[in-house]
Amino acid sequence: MGNLNVAVLGPLGYAKDLGKKGTTSDITFYNLKKGDDTVTFIEPTRYPERLAPLFYAASMADAALVVVGEITPTFGEWVLMLDEVGVEQGCIVLLNYLTPGDLMPFLRGTVLEHYEFADVDPIALRDRLLARAHARASAQPGAGAAGSVPIDHHFNVRGIGTVILGGVVRGGIRKHDTLKVYPGEQAITVRSIQKHDDDFDWAAEGDRVGLALKNIESDDLDRGFVLSSDPAIRTRTNLEARATLVKYWPAPLTAGTVLHVGHWMQFIPARVEAVRDDGDWRQPTLTLALEKDLIHLPGDTAVLHYLEGGKLRIAGHIELP
């Protein structure tokens, strides 16, 4: 069984012709299943008025489907976000007589430079993406394997209890595993695991899961919390990290600037406390004070957003210590 998570960036509701509508909030999921293979489509429903849904969709994605009918600042923001998150696989569908040559000046030097151009036919798109999902068949995690699941939705189900939705980002998890909830490190037990409404005893990296949990209430959880058995998990409210700013960024960052740090399902306000650039202001070392705990693994990348930036709201990325 293989699963592919696909960010769909295009006209709102485009994914309704590709999969069955599932959970909806500021992001909407559509699900496609054929045999043992599944594709999860993720649309940023509340974008572009809010930037966070675009980040969430890209952050969860193994691949992107970009549907372009005109070249606009919104299209430019899609390109920047996918490039900063590092979504290296994808397809581009062209509308309104656009040609690949029209887009290439905007794609060169980004991950989208290597995306394939695809036909608008939804049947062909579904088949193409299911084939990619099949090629990613997940392997059952070994005994004692550590895994992490960022939470994107959580709720209480009558007769079952607390249920969370999320994606396995590292390693794997098993039914009856004891995991910690970060921040806070409260211990919980995985009562059951579902993948696309089917029960399983395990889930591995890339799988989208619904987990029924013991020993915690839904009200004690929030989007961005992480369930993990990985001892390398870190939580911090202050950090010093090397940043790389996007090539369009107009001026050096300064102390006092408020950015938003995006990582997994977290989108956290952070004030720049200090900047050291060592002569290259596009690659500064930033000292950041975060509004709440940032949960991550060493070496992860986080995206920097500047919500007051008008048409340029993506500042760059940082490497987390």
C-alpha atoms as a PDB file:
ATOM      1  CA  MET A   1       0.000   0.000   0.000  1.00  0.00           C
ATOM      2  CA  GLY A   2       1.377   3.374  -0.989  1.00  0.00           C
ATOM      3  CA  ASN A   3       0.119   6.877  -0.226  1.00  0.00           C
ATOM      4  CA  LEU A   4       1.006  10.151  -1.938  1.00  0.00           C
ATOM      5  CA  ASN A   5       0.188  13.513  -0.320  1.00  0.00           C
ATOM      6  CA  VAL A   6      -0.400  16.155  -3.004  1.00  0.00           C
ATOM      7  CA  ALA A   7      -0.769  19.920  -2.469  1.00  0.00           C
ATOM      8  CA  VAL A   8      -3.240  21.249  -5.049  1.00  0.00           C
ATOM      9  CA  LEU A   9      -2.612  24.902  -5.906  1.00  0.00           C
ATOM     10  CA  GLY A  10      -5.067  26.281  -8.422  1.00  0.00           C
ATOM     11  CA  PRO A  11      -8.689  27.379  -8.679  1.00  0.00           C
ATOM     12  CA  LEU A  12     -10.461  26.722  -5.377  1.00  0.00           C
ATOM     13  CA  GLY A  13     -12.221  23.354  -5.456  1.00  0.00           C
ATOM     14  CA  TYR A  14     -10.155  22.004  -8.358  1.00  0.00           C
ATOM     15  CA  ALA A  15      -9.435  18.815  -6.390  1.00  0.00           C
ATOM     16  CA  LYS A  16     -13.131  17.893  -6.179  1.00  0.00           C
ATOM     17  CA  ASP A  17     -12.773  16.255  -9.601  1.00  0.00           C
ATOM     18  CA  LEU A  18      -9.802  14.223  -8.388  1.00  0.00           C
ATOM     19  CA  GLY A  19     -10.954  12.728  -5.080  1.00  0.00           C
ATOM     20  CA  LYS A  20     -13.735  12.413  -2.525  1.00  0.00           C
ATOM     21  CA  LYS A  21     -14.045  15.374  -0.169  1.00  0.00           C
ATOM     22  CA  GLY A  22     -12.984  14.668   3.402  1.00  0.00           C
ATOM     23  CA  THR A  23     -12.035  16.861   6.352  1.00  0.00           C
ATOM     24  CA  THR A  24     -12.402  20.582   5.704  1.00  0.00           C
ATOM     25  CA  SER A  25     -11.329  23.657   7.674  1.00  0.00           C
ATOM     26  CA  ASP A  26      -8.833  26.260   6.471  1.00  0.00           C
ATOM     27  CA  ILE A  27      -7.399  23.331   4.513  1.00  0.00           C
ATOM     28  CA  THR A  28      -9.512  20.733   2.701  1.00  0.00           C
ATOM     29  CA  PHE A  29      -8.626  17.105   2.037  1.00  0.00           C
ATOM     30  CA  TYR A  30      -9.817  15.027  -0.908  1.00  0.00           C
ATOM     31  CA  ASN A  31      -9.149  11.294  -0.959  1.00  0.00           C
ATOM     32  CA  LEU A  32      -8.538   8.965  -3.894  1.00  0.00           C
ATOM     33  CA  LYS A  33      -8.192   5.195  -3.493  1.00  0.00           C
ATOM     34  CA  LYS A  34      -7.618   2.389  -5.960  1.00  0.00           C
ATOM     35  CA  GLY A  35      -6.859  -1.055  -4.593  1.00  0.00           C
ATOM     36  CA  ASP A  36      -4.267  -0.613  -1.861  1.00  0.00           C
ATOM     37  CA  ASP A  37      -2.973   2.707  -3.198  1.00  0.00           C
ATOM     38  CA  THR A  38      -4.183   6.113  -2.024  1.00  0.00           C
ATOM     39  CA  VAL A  39      -3.666   9.771  -2.875  1.00  0.00           C
ATOM     40  CA  THR A  40      -4.454  12.534  -0.389  1.00  0.00           C
ATOM     41  CA  PHE A  41      -5.104  15.908  -2.047  1.00  0.00           C
ATOM     42  CA  ILE A  42      -4.663  18.998   0.140  1.00  0.00           C
ATOM     43  CA  GLU A  43      -6.138  22.378  -0.825  1.00  0.00           C
ATOM     44  CA  PRO A  44      -5.419  25.627   1.084  1.00  0.00           C
ATOM     45  CA  THR A  45      -9.083  26.661   1.422  1.00  0.00           C
ATOM     46  CA  ARG A  46      -8.584  29.966   3.266  1.00  0.00           C
ATOM     47  CA  TYR A  47      -5.723  31.105   1.039  1.00  0.00           C
ATOM     48  CA  PRO A  48      -4.842  33.741  -0.214  1.00  0.00           C
ATOM     49  CA  GLU A  49      -6.424  35.866   2.526  1.00  0.00           C
ATOM     50  CA  ARG A  50      -4.419  33.779   5.020  1.00  0.00           C
ATOM     51  CA  LEU A  51      -0.915  32.570   4.273  1.00  0.00           C
ATOM     52  CA  ALA A  52      -0.806  29.740   6.833  1.00  0.00           C
ATOM     53  CA  PRO A  53      -3.056  27.342   4.836  1.00  0.00           C
ATOM     54  CA  LEU A  54      -0.683  27.570   1.868  1.00  0.00           C
ATOM     55  CA  PHE A  55       2.217  26.669   4.147  1.00  0.00           C
ATOM     56  CA  TYR A  56       0.293  23.769   5.716  1.00  0.00           C
ATOM     57  CA  ALA A  57      -0.624  22.308   2.315  1.00  0.00           C
ATOM     58  CA  ALA A  58       2.981  22.534   1.087  1.00  0.00           C
ATOM     59  CA  SER A  59       4.420  21.250   4.368  1.00  0.00           C
ATOM     60  CA  MET A  60       2.320  18.074   4.241  1.00  0.00           C
ATOM     61  CA  ALA A  61       3.006  17.417   0.557  1.00  0.00           C
ATOM     62  CA  ASP A  62       5.192  14.800  -1.081  1.00  0.00           C
ATOM     63  CA  ALA A  63       4.284  16.337  -4.446  1.00  0.00           C
ATOM     64  CA  ALA A  64       2.355  19.312  -5.839  1.00  0.00           C
ATOM     65  CA  LEU A  65      -0.242  19.791  -8.547  1.00  0.00           C
ATOM     66  CA  VAL A  66      -0.041  23.376  -9.798  1.00  0.00           C
ATOM     67  CA  VAL A  67      -2.903  24.558 -12.017  1.00  0.00           C
ATOM     68  CA  VAL A  68      -2.058  27.850 -13.742  1.00  0.00           C
ATOM     69  CA  GLY A  69      -4.485  29.946 -15.777  1.00  0.00           C
ATOM     70  CA  GLU A  70      -2.585  33.237 -15.589  1.00  0.00           C
ATOM     71  CA  ILE A  71       0.685  34.570 -14.231  1.00  0.00           C
ATOM     72  CA  THR A  72      -0.156  36.561 -11.099  1.00  0.00           C
ATOM     73  CA  PRO A  73       1.458  37.444  -7.749  1.00  0.00           C
ATOM     74  CA  THR A  74      -0.461  34.481  -6.293  1.00  0.00           C
ATOM     75  CA  PHE A  75       1.250  32.140  -8.743  1.00  0.00           C
ATOM     76  CA  GLY A  76       4.589  33.675  -7.730  1.00  0.00           C
ATOM     77  CA  GLU A  77       3.789  32.997  -4.078  1.00  0.00           C
ATOM     78  CA  TRP A  78       3.012  29.350  -4.871  1.00  0.00           C
ATOM     79  CA  VAL A  79       6.416  29.018  -6.538  1.00  0.00           C
ATOM     80  CA  LEU A  80       8.237  30.591  -3.585  1.00  0.00           C
ATOM     81  CA  MET A  81       6.421  28.451  -1.010  1.00  0.00           C
ATOM     82  CA  LEU A  82       6.971  25.145  -2.804  1.00  0.00           C
ATOM     83  CA  ASP A  83      10.634  26.036  -3.305  1.00  0.00           C
ATOM     84  CA  GLU A  84      11.241  27.079   0.317  1.00  0.00           C
ATOM     85  CA  VAL A  85       9.482  23.976   1.688  1.00  0.00           C
ATOM     86  CA  GLY A  86      11.344  21.834  -0.858  1.00  0.00           C
ATOM     87  CA  VAL A  87       8.486  19.986  -2.592  1.00  0.00           C
ATOM     88  CA  GLU A  88      10.669  18.483  -5.304  1.00  0.00           C
ATOM     89  CA  GLN A  89       8.078  16.459  -7.238  1.00  0.00           C
ATOM     90  CA  GLY A  90       5.056  17.800  -9.059  1.00  0.00           C
ATOM     91  CA  CYS A  91       2.904  18.343 -12.118  1.00  0.00           C
ATOM     92  CA  ILE A  92       1.854  21.600 -13.774  1.00  0.00           C
ATOM     93  CA  VAL A  93      -1.452  21.905 -15.631  1.00  0.00           C
ATOM     94  CA  LEU A  94      -1.755  24.884 -17.984  1.00  0.00           C
ATOM     95  CA  LEU A  95      -5.046  26.656 -18.749  1.00  0.00           C
ATOM     96  CA  ASN A  96      -6.088  29.549 -20.986  1.00  0.00           C
ATOM     97  CA  TYR A  97      -3.554  28.742 -23.731  1.00  0.00           C
ATOM     98  CA  LEU A  98      -0.516  29.274 -21.510  1.00  0.00           C
ATOM     99  CA  THR A  99       2.594  27.434 -22.694  1.00  0.00           C
ATOM    100  CA  PRO A 100       5.546  25.976 -20.765  1.00  0.00           C
ATOM    101  CA  GLY A 101       7.669  28.757 -22.226  1.00  0.00           C
ATOM    102  CA  ASP A 102       5.435  31.364 -20.572  1.00  0.00           C
ATOM    103  CA  LEU A 103       6.224  29.892 -17.150  1.00  0.00           C
ATOM    104  CA  MET A 104       9.869  28.912 -17.426  1.00  0.00           C
ATOM    105  CA  PRO A 105      11.324  32.354 -16.550  1.00  0.00           C
ATOM    106  CA  PHE A 106       9.533  32.087 -13.184  1.00  0.00           C
ATOM    107  CA  LEU A 107      10.477  28.438 -12.555  1.00  0.00           C
ATOM    108  CA  ARG A 108      14.202  28.472 -13.310  1.00  0.00           C
ATOM    109  CA  GLY A 109      16.324  27.902 -10.232  1.00  0.00           C
ATOM    110  CA  THR A 110      13.400  26.508  -8.203  1.00  0.00           C
ATOM    111  CA  VAL A 111      12.163  22.979  -7.516  1.00  0.00           C
ATOM    112  CA  LEU A 112       9.357  23.606 -10.024  1.00  0.00           C
ATOM    113  CA  GLU A 113      11.923  23.700 -12.826  1.00  0.00           C
ATOM    114  CA  HIS A 114      11.800  19.886 -12.729  1.00  0.00           C
ATOM    115  CA  TYR A 115       8.012  19.448 -12.529  1.00  0.00           C
ATOM    116  CA  GLU A 116       6.277  17.663 -15.386  1.00  0.00           C
ATOM    117  CA  PHE A 117       3.638  19.359 -17.522  1.00  0.00           C
ATOM    118  CA  ALA A 118       0.421  17.348 -17.499  1.00  0.00           C
ATOM    119  CA  ASP A 119      -2.807  17.266 -19.459  1.00  0.00           C
ATOM    120  CA  VAL A 120      -5.913  18.821 -17.927  1.00  0.00           C
ATOM    121  CA  ASP A 121      -7.780  15.475 -18.121  1.00  0.00           C
ATOM    122  CA  PRO A 122      -8.659  14.502 -14.489  1.00  0.00           C
ATOM    123  CA  ILE A 123      -8.728  10.767 -15.296  1.00  0.00           C
ATOM    124  CA  ALA A 124      -5.181  10.908 -16.629  1.00  0.00           C
ATOM    125  CA  LEU A 125      -4.088  12.966 -13.595  1.00  0.00           C
ATOM    126  CA  ARG A 126      -5.593  10.457 -11.188  1.00  0.00           C
ATOM    127  CA  ASP A 127      -3.873   7.557 -12.948  1.00  0.00           C
ATOM    128  CA  ARG A 128      -0.530   9.385 -12.967  1.00  0.00           C
ATOM    129  CA  LEU A 129      -0.707  10.184  -9.252  1.00  0.00           C
ATOM    130  CA  LEU A 130      -1.918   6.710  -8.267  1.00  0.00           C
ATOM    131  CA  ALA A 131       1.094   5.273 -10.107  1.00  0.00           C
ATOM    132  CA  ARG A 132       3.369   7.530  -8.041  1.00  0.00           C
ATOM    133  CA  ALA A 133       1.589   6.420  -4.866  1.00  0.00           C
ATOM    134  CA  HIS A 134       2.079   2.759  -5.831  1.00  0.00           C
ATOM    135  CA  ALA A 135       5.794   3.375  -6.279  1.00  0.00           C
ATOM    136  CA  ARG A 136       5.991   4.688  -2.686  1.00  0.00           C
ATOM    137  CA  ALA A 137       4.599   1.578  -0.977  1.00  0.00           C
ATOM    138  CA  SER A 138       5.323   1.944   2.737  1.00  0.00           C
ATOM    139  CA  ALA A 139       7.168  -0.715   4.717  1.00  0.00           C
ATOM    140  CA  GLN A 140       6.051  -1.962   8.104  1.00  0.00           C
ATOM    141  CA  PRO A 141       8.209  -0.341  10.814  1.00  0.00           C
ATOM    142  CA  GLY A 142      10.487  -2.609  12.772  1.00  0.00           C
ATOM    143  CA  ALA A 143      10.031  -3.288  16.469  1.00  0.00           C
ATOM    144  CA  GLY A 144      11.080  -0.262  18.505  1.00  0.00           C
ATOM    145  CA  ALA A 145      11.094   2.106  15.505  1.00  0.00           C
ATOM    146  CA  ALA A 146      10.584   5.749  16.507  1.00  0.00           C
ATOM    147  CA  GLY A 147       7.898   7.799  14.756  1.00  0.00           C
ATOM    148  CA  SER A 148       6.428  11.307  14.779  1.00  0.00           C
ATOM    149  CA  VAL A 149       2.950  12.561  13.825  1.00  0.00           C
ATOM    150  CA  PRO A 150       2.157  16.311  13.733  1.00  0.00           C
ATOM    151  CA  ILE A 151      -1.543  16.921  14.450  1.00  0.00           C
ATOM    152  CA  ASP A 152      -3.611  18.876  11.931  1.00  0.00           C
ATOM    153  CA  HIS A 153      -7.107  18.115  13.303  1.00  0.00           C
ATOM    154  CA  HIS A 154      -8.428  16.653  16.571  1.00  0.00           C
ATOM    155  CA  PHE A 155     -11.897  15.912  17.952  1.00  0.00           C
ATOM    156  CA  ASN A 156     -13.913  13.637  20.189  1.00  0.00           C
ATOM    157  CA  VAL A 157     -15.833  10.715  18.657  1.00  0.00           C
ATOM    158  CA  ARG A 158     -18.715   9.208  20.595  1.00  0.00           C
ATOM    159  CA  GLY A 159     -17.869   5.685  21.721  1.00  0.00           C
ATOM    160  CA  ILE A 160     -14.225   6.008  20.655  1.00  0.00           C
ATOM    161  CA  GLY A 161     -12.853   9.047  22.469  1.00  0.00           C
ATOM    162  CA  THR A 162     -10.078  11.359  21.329  1.00  0.00           C
ATOM    163  CA  VAL A 163      -9.144  11.106  17.646  1.00  0.00           C
ATOM    164  CA  ILE A 164      -6.414  13.009  15.821  1.00  0.00           C
ATOM    165  CA  LEU A 165      -5.664  13.344  12.126  1.00  0.00           C
ATOM    166  CA  GLY A 166      -2.134  13.810  10.863  1.00  0.00           C
ATOM    167  CA  GLY A 167       0.675  12.432   8.759  1.00  0.00           C
ATOM    168  CA  VAL A 168       3.618  10.270   9.786  1.00  0.00           C
ATOM    169  CA  VAL A 169       6.636  12.463   9.043  1.00  0.00           C
ATOM    170  CA  ARG A 170       9.420  10.239  10.326  1.00  0.00           C
ATOM    171  CA  GLY A 171       9.785   6.547  11.125  1.00  0.00           C
ATOM    172  CA  GLY A 172       6.672   4.599  12.010  1.00  0.00           C
ATOM    173  CA  ILE A 173       4.085   3.903  14.697  1.00  0.00           C
ATOM    174  CA  ARG A 174       2.181   0.806  15.820  1.00  0.00           C
ATOM    175  CA  LYS A 175      -1.137   0.106  17.486  1.00  0.00           C
ATOM    176  CA  HIS A 176      -0.736   0.167  21.291  1.00  0.00           C
ATOM    177  CA  ASP A 177       2.468   2.247  21.087  1.00  0.00           C
ATOM    178  CA  THR A 178       3.094   4.671  23.932  1.00  0.00           C
ATOM    179  CA  LEU A 179       3.914   8.106  22.532  1.00  0.00           C
ATOM    180  CA  LYS A 180       4.603  11.486  24.086  1.00  0.00           C
ATOM    181  CA  VAL A 181       2.602  14.598  23.246  1.00  0.00           C
ATOM    182  CA  TYR A 182       4.781  17.632  22.555  1.00  0.00           C
ATOM    183  CA  PRO A 183       4.892  20.193  24.021  1.00  0.00           C
ATOM    184  CA  GLY A 184       4.508  18.848  27.540  1.00  0.00           C
ATOM    185  CA  GLU A 185       5.630  15.222  27.082  1.00  0.00           C
ATOM    186  CA  GLN A 186       2.384  13.718  28.350  1.00  0.00           C
ATOM    187  CA  ALA A 187       2.329   9.970  27.689  1.00  0.00           C
ATOM    188  CA  ILE A 188      -0.575   8.587  25.616  1.00  0.00           C
ATOM    189  CA  THR A 189      -1.395   5.232  24.046  1.00  0.00           C
ATOM    190  CA  VAL A 190      -2.431   4.612  20.453  1.00  0.00           C
ATOM    191  CA  ARG A 191      -5.748   2.767  20.746  1.00  0.00           C
ATOM    192  CA  SER A 192      -6.205   2.238  16.998  1.00  0.00           C
ATOM    193  CA  ILE A 193      -4.849   3.333  13.606  1.00  0.00           C
ATOM    194  CA  GLN A 194      -6.828   4.063  10.449  1.00  0.00           C
ATOM    195  CA  LYS A 195      -5.497   4.885   6.995  1.00  0.00           C
ATOM    196  CA  HIS A 196      -8.158   6.104   4.572  1.00  0.00           C
ATOM    197  CA  ASP A 197     -10.917   4.599   6.784  1.00  0.00           C
ATOM    198  CA  ASP A 198      -9.337   1.120   6.947  1.00  0.00           C
ATOM    199  CA  ASP A 199      -7.951  -0.316  10.198  1.00  0.00           C
ATOM    200  CA  PHE A 200      -4.238  -1.100  10.396  1.00  0.00           C
ATOM    201  CA  ASP A 201      -1.798  -2.268  13.043  1.00  0.00           C
ATOM    202  CA  TRP A 202       0.917   0.131  11.862  1.00  0.00           C
ATOM    203  CA  ALA A 203       1.702   3.242   9.816  1.00  0.00           C
ATOM    204  CA  ALA A 204       4.950   4.445   8.265  1.00  0.00           C
ATOM    205  CA  GLU A 205       6.455   7.674   6.928  1.00  0.00           C
ATOM    206  CA  GLY A 206       4.186   9.260   4.319  1.00  0.00           C
ATOM    207  CA  ASP A 207       0.980   7.639   5.587  1.00  0.00           C
ATOM    208  CA  ARG A 208      -1.985   9.840   6.442  1.00  0.00           C
ATOM    209  CA  VAL A 209      -3.573   8.513   9.623  1.00  0.00           C
ATOM    210  CA  GLY A 210      -6.444   8.833  12.019  1.00  0.00           C
ATOM    211  CA  LEU A 211      -5.373   7.777  15.515  1.00  0.00           C
ATOM    212  CA  ALA A 212      -7.668   7.001  18.437  1.00  0.00           C
ATOM    213  CA  LEU A 213      -5.831   7.889  21.650  1.00  0.00           C
ATOM    214  CA  LYS A 214      -6.032   6.851  25.294  1.00  0.00           C
ATOM    215  CA  ASN A 215      -5.165   9.044  28.292  1.00  0.00           C
ATOM    216  CA  ILE A 216      -5.821  12.468  26.767  1.00  0.00           C
ATOM    217  CA  GLU A 217      -8.811  14.657  25.929  1.00  0.00           C
ATOM    218  CA  SER A 218      -9.302  16.414  22.604  1.00  0.00           C
ATOM    219  CA  ASP A 219      -9.487  19.757  24.451  1.00  0.00           C
ATOM    220  CA  ASP A 220      -5.920  19.220  25.663  1.00  0.00           C
ATOM    221  CA  LEU A 221      -4.599  19.122  22.085  1.00  0.00           C
ATOM    222  CA  ASP A 222      -4.024  21.734  19.409  1.00  0.00           C
ATOM    223  CA  ARG A 223      -2.999  21.850  15.769  1.00  0.00           C
ATOM    224  CA  GLY A 224       0.770  21.714  15.587  1.00  0.00           C
ATOM    225  CA  PHE A 225       1.188  19.435  18.614  1.00  0.00           C
ATOM    226  CA  VAL A 226       3.315  16.388  17.798  1.00  0.00           C
ATOM    227  CA  LEU A 227       2.933  12.771  18.898  1.00  0.00           C
ATOM    228  CA  SER A 228       6.322  11.099  18.968  1.00  0.00           C
ATOM    229  CA  SER A 229       8.458   8.279  20.331  1.00  0.00           C
ATOM    230  CA  ASP A 230      11.632   9.821  18.891  1.00  0.00           C
ATOM    231  CA  PRO A 231      14.113  10.788  21.644  1.00  0.00           C
ATOM    232  CA  ALA A 232      15.668  13.362  19.288  1.00  0.00           C
ATOM    233  CA  ILE A 233      12.557  15.618  19.367  1.00  0.00           C
ATOM    234  CA  ARG A 234      13.296  19.142  20.571  1.00  0.00           C
ATOM    235  CA  THR A 235      11.048  21.919  21.895  1.00  0.00           C
ATOM    236  CA  ARG A 236      12.227  25.506  22.237  1.00  0.00           C
ATOM    237  CA  THR A 237      10.937  29.060  22.474  1.00  0.00           C
ATOM    238  CA  ASN A 238      14.279  30.692  21.641  1.00  0.00           C
ATOM    239  CA  LEU A 239      16.697  29.752  18.916  1.00  0.00           C
ATOM    240  CA  GLU A 240      19.688  30.959  16.973  1.00  0.00           C
ATOM    241  CA  ALA A 241      19.719  29.742  13.384  1.00  0.00           C
ATOM    242  CA  ARG A 242      21.247  30.498  10.000  1.00  0.00           C
ATOM    243  CA  ALA A 243      18.713  31.922   7.543  1.00  0.00           C
ATOM    244  CA  THR A 244      18.670  32.087   3.761  1.00  0.00           C
ATOM    245  CA  LEU A 245      16.452  34.864   2.386  1.00  0.00           C
ATOM    246  CA  VAL A 246      14.626  34.580  -0.947  1.00  0.00           C
ATOM    247  CA  LYS A 247      16.334  36.365  -3.826  1.00  0.00           C
ATOM    248  CA  TYR A 248      13.508  38.910  -4.058  1.00  0.00           C
ATOM    249  CA  TRP A 249      13.846  40.034  -0.434  1.00  0.00           C
ATOM    250  CA  PRO A 250      14.585  43.774  -0.625  1.00  0.00           C
ATOM    251  CA  ALA A 251      16.591  44.634   2.508  1.00  0.00           C
ATOM    252  CA  PRO A 252      18.365  43.162   5.553  1.00  0.00           C
ATOM    253  CA  LEU A 253      16.222  41.859   8.398  1.00  0.00           C
ATOM    254  CA  THR A 254      16.401  43.974  11.534  1.00  0.00           C
ATOM    255  CA  ALA A 255      15.874  43.432  15.254  1.00  0.00           C
ATOM    256  CA  GLY A 256      12.244  43.880  16.237  1.00  0.00           C
ATOM    257  CA  THR A 257      10.799  42.413  13.026  1.00  0.00           C
ATOM    258  CA  VAL A 258       7.983  39.916  13.659  1.00  0.00           C
ATOM    259  CA  LEU A 259       8.130  36.833  11.441  1.00  0.00           C
ATOM    260  CA  HIS A 260       6.123  33.604  11.476  1.00  0.00           C
ATOM    261  CA  VAL A 261       8.081  30.351  11.625  1.00  0.00           C
ATOM    262  CA  GLY A 262       6.428  27.479   9.739  1.00  0.00           C
ATOM    263  CA  HIS A 263       7.404  23.901  10.536  1.00  0.00           C
ATOM    264  CA  TRP A 264       5.247  20.759  10.155  1.00  0.00           C
ATOM    265  CA  MET A 265       1.788  21.976  11.290  1.00  0.00           C
ATOM    266  CA  GLN A 266       3.142  24.914  13.285  1.00  0.00           C
ATOM    267  CA  PHE A 267       2.915  28.572  12.248  1.00  0.00           C
ATOM    268  CA  ILE A 268       4.396  30.508  15.159  1.00  0.00           C
ATOM    269  CA  PRO A 269       4.986  34.269  15.579  1.00  0.00           C
ATOM    270  CA  ALA A 270       8.649  35.009  16.320  1.00  0.00           C
ATOM    271  CA  ARG A 271      10.374  38.298  17.070  1.00  0.00           C
ATOM    272  CA  VAL A 272      13.859  38.891  15.697  1.00  0.00           C
ATOM    273  CA  GLU A 273      16.012  39.669  18.736  1.00  0.00           C
ATOM    274  CA  ALA A 274      19.341  40.009  16.954  1.00  0.00           C
ATOM    275  CA  VAL A 275      20.842  39.760  13.461  1.00  0.00           C
ATOM    276  CA  ARG A 276      24.421  38.869  12.550  1.00  0.00           C
ATOM    277  CA  ASP A 277      25.186  38.709   8.834  1.00  0.00           C
ATOM    278  CA  ASP A 278      28.997  38.343   8.612  1.00  0.00           C
ATOM    279  CA  GLY A 279      28.968  40.476   5.454  1.00  0.00           C
ATOM    280  CA  ASP A 280      26.160  38.680   3.578  1.00  0.00           C
ATOM    281  CA  TRP A 281      22.784  40.057   4.655  1.00  0.00           C
ATOM    282  CA  ARG A 282      20.923  37.414   2.620  1.00  0.00           C
ATOM    283  CA  GLN A 283      22.359  34.682   4.844  1.00  0.00           C
ATOM    284  CA  PRO A 284      22.143  36.128   8.350  1.00  0.00           C
ATOM    285  CA  THR A 285      22.246  34.324  11.652  1.00  0.00           C
ATOM    286  CA  LEU A 286      19.037  35.193  13.483  1.00  0.00           C
ATOM    287  CA  THR A 287      18.230  35.099  17.185  1.00  0.00           C
ATOM    288  CA  LEU A 288      14.474  34.510  17.468  1.00  0.00           C
ATOM    289  CA  ALA A 289      12.075  34.648  20.427  1.00  0.00           C
ATOM    290  CA  LEU A 290       9.026  32.506  19.643  1.00  0.00           C
ATOM    291  CA  GLU A 291       5.531  33.061  21.017  1.00  0.00           C
ATOM    292  CA  LYS A 292       5.190  29.347  21.889  1.00  0.00           C
ATOM    293  CA  ASP A 293       7.150  26.114  21.713  1.00  0.00           C
ATOM    294  CA  LEU A 294       8.591  25.096  18.363  1.00  0.00           C
ATOM    295  CA  ILE A 295       8.702  21.293  18.042  1.00  0.00           C
ATOM    296  CA  HIS A 296      11.251  19.858  15.631  1.00  0.00           C
ATOM    297  CA  LEU A 297      14.039  17.410  14.937  1.00  0.00           C
ATOM    298  CA  PRO A 298      17.656  18.583  14.621  1.00  0.00           C
ATOM    299  CA  GLY A 299      18.536  19.545  11.066  1.00  0.00           C
ATOM    300  CA  ASP A 300      14.937  20.275  10.008  1.00  0.00           C
ATOM    301  CA  THR A 301      14.150  23.272   7.825  1.00  0.00           C
ATOM    302  CA  ALA A 302      11.543  25.892   8.773  1.00  0.00           C
ATOM    303  CA  VAL A 303      10.067  28.576   6.507  1.00  0.00           C
ATOM    304  CA  LEU A 304      10.114  32.271   7.469  1.00  0.00           C
ATOM    305  CA  HIS A 305       6.985  34.307   6.647  1.00  0.00           C
ATOM    306  CA  TYR A 306       6.450  38.062   6.929  1.00  0.00           C
ATOM    307  CA  LEU A 307       2.726  38.738   6.992  1.00  0.00           C
ATOM    308  CA  GLU A 308       3.149  42.499   6.533  1.00  0.00           C
ATOM    309  CA  GLY A 309       5.075  42.004   3.312  1.00  0.00           C
ATOM    310  CA  GLY A 310       2.236  42.784   0.891  1.00  0.00           C
ATOM    311  CA  LYS A 311       2.908  40.809  -2.287  1.00  0.00           C
ATOM    312  CA  LEU A 312       6.081  39.285  -0.812  1.00  0.00           C
ATOM    313  CA  ARG A 313       5.093  37.357   2.311  1.00  0.00           C
ATOM    314  CA  ILE A 314       7.697  34.564   2.162  1.00  0.00           C
ATOM    315  CA  ALA A 315      11.040  35.709   3.520  1.00  0.00           C
ATOM    316  CA  GLY A 316      13.169  32.561   3.343  1.00  0.00           C
ATOM    317  CA  HIS A 317      14.035  29.580   5.527  1.00  0.00           C
ATOM    318  CA  ILE A 318      16.191  28.589   8.484  1.00  0.00           C
ATOM    319  CA  GLU A 319      18.058  25.430   9.405  1.00  0.00           C
ATOM    320  CA  LEU A 320      16.980  24.297  12.878  1.00  0.00           C
ATOM    321  CA  PRO A 321      19.697  23.295  15.340  1.00  0.00           C
END
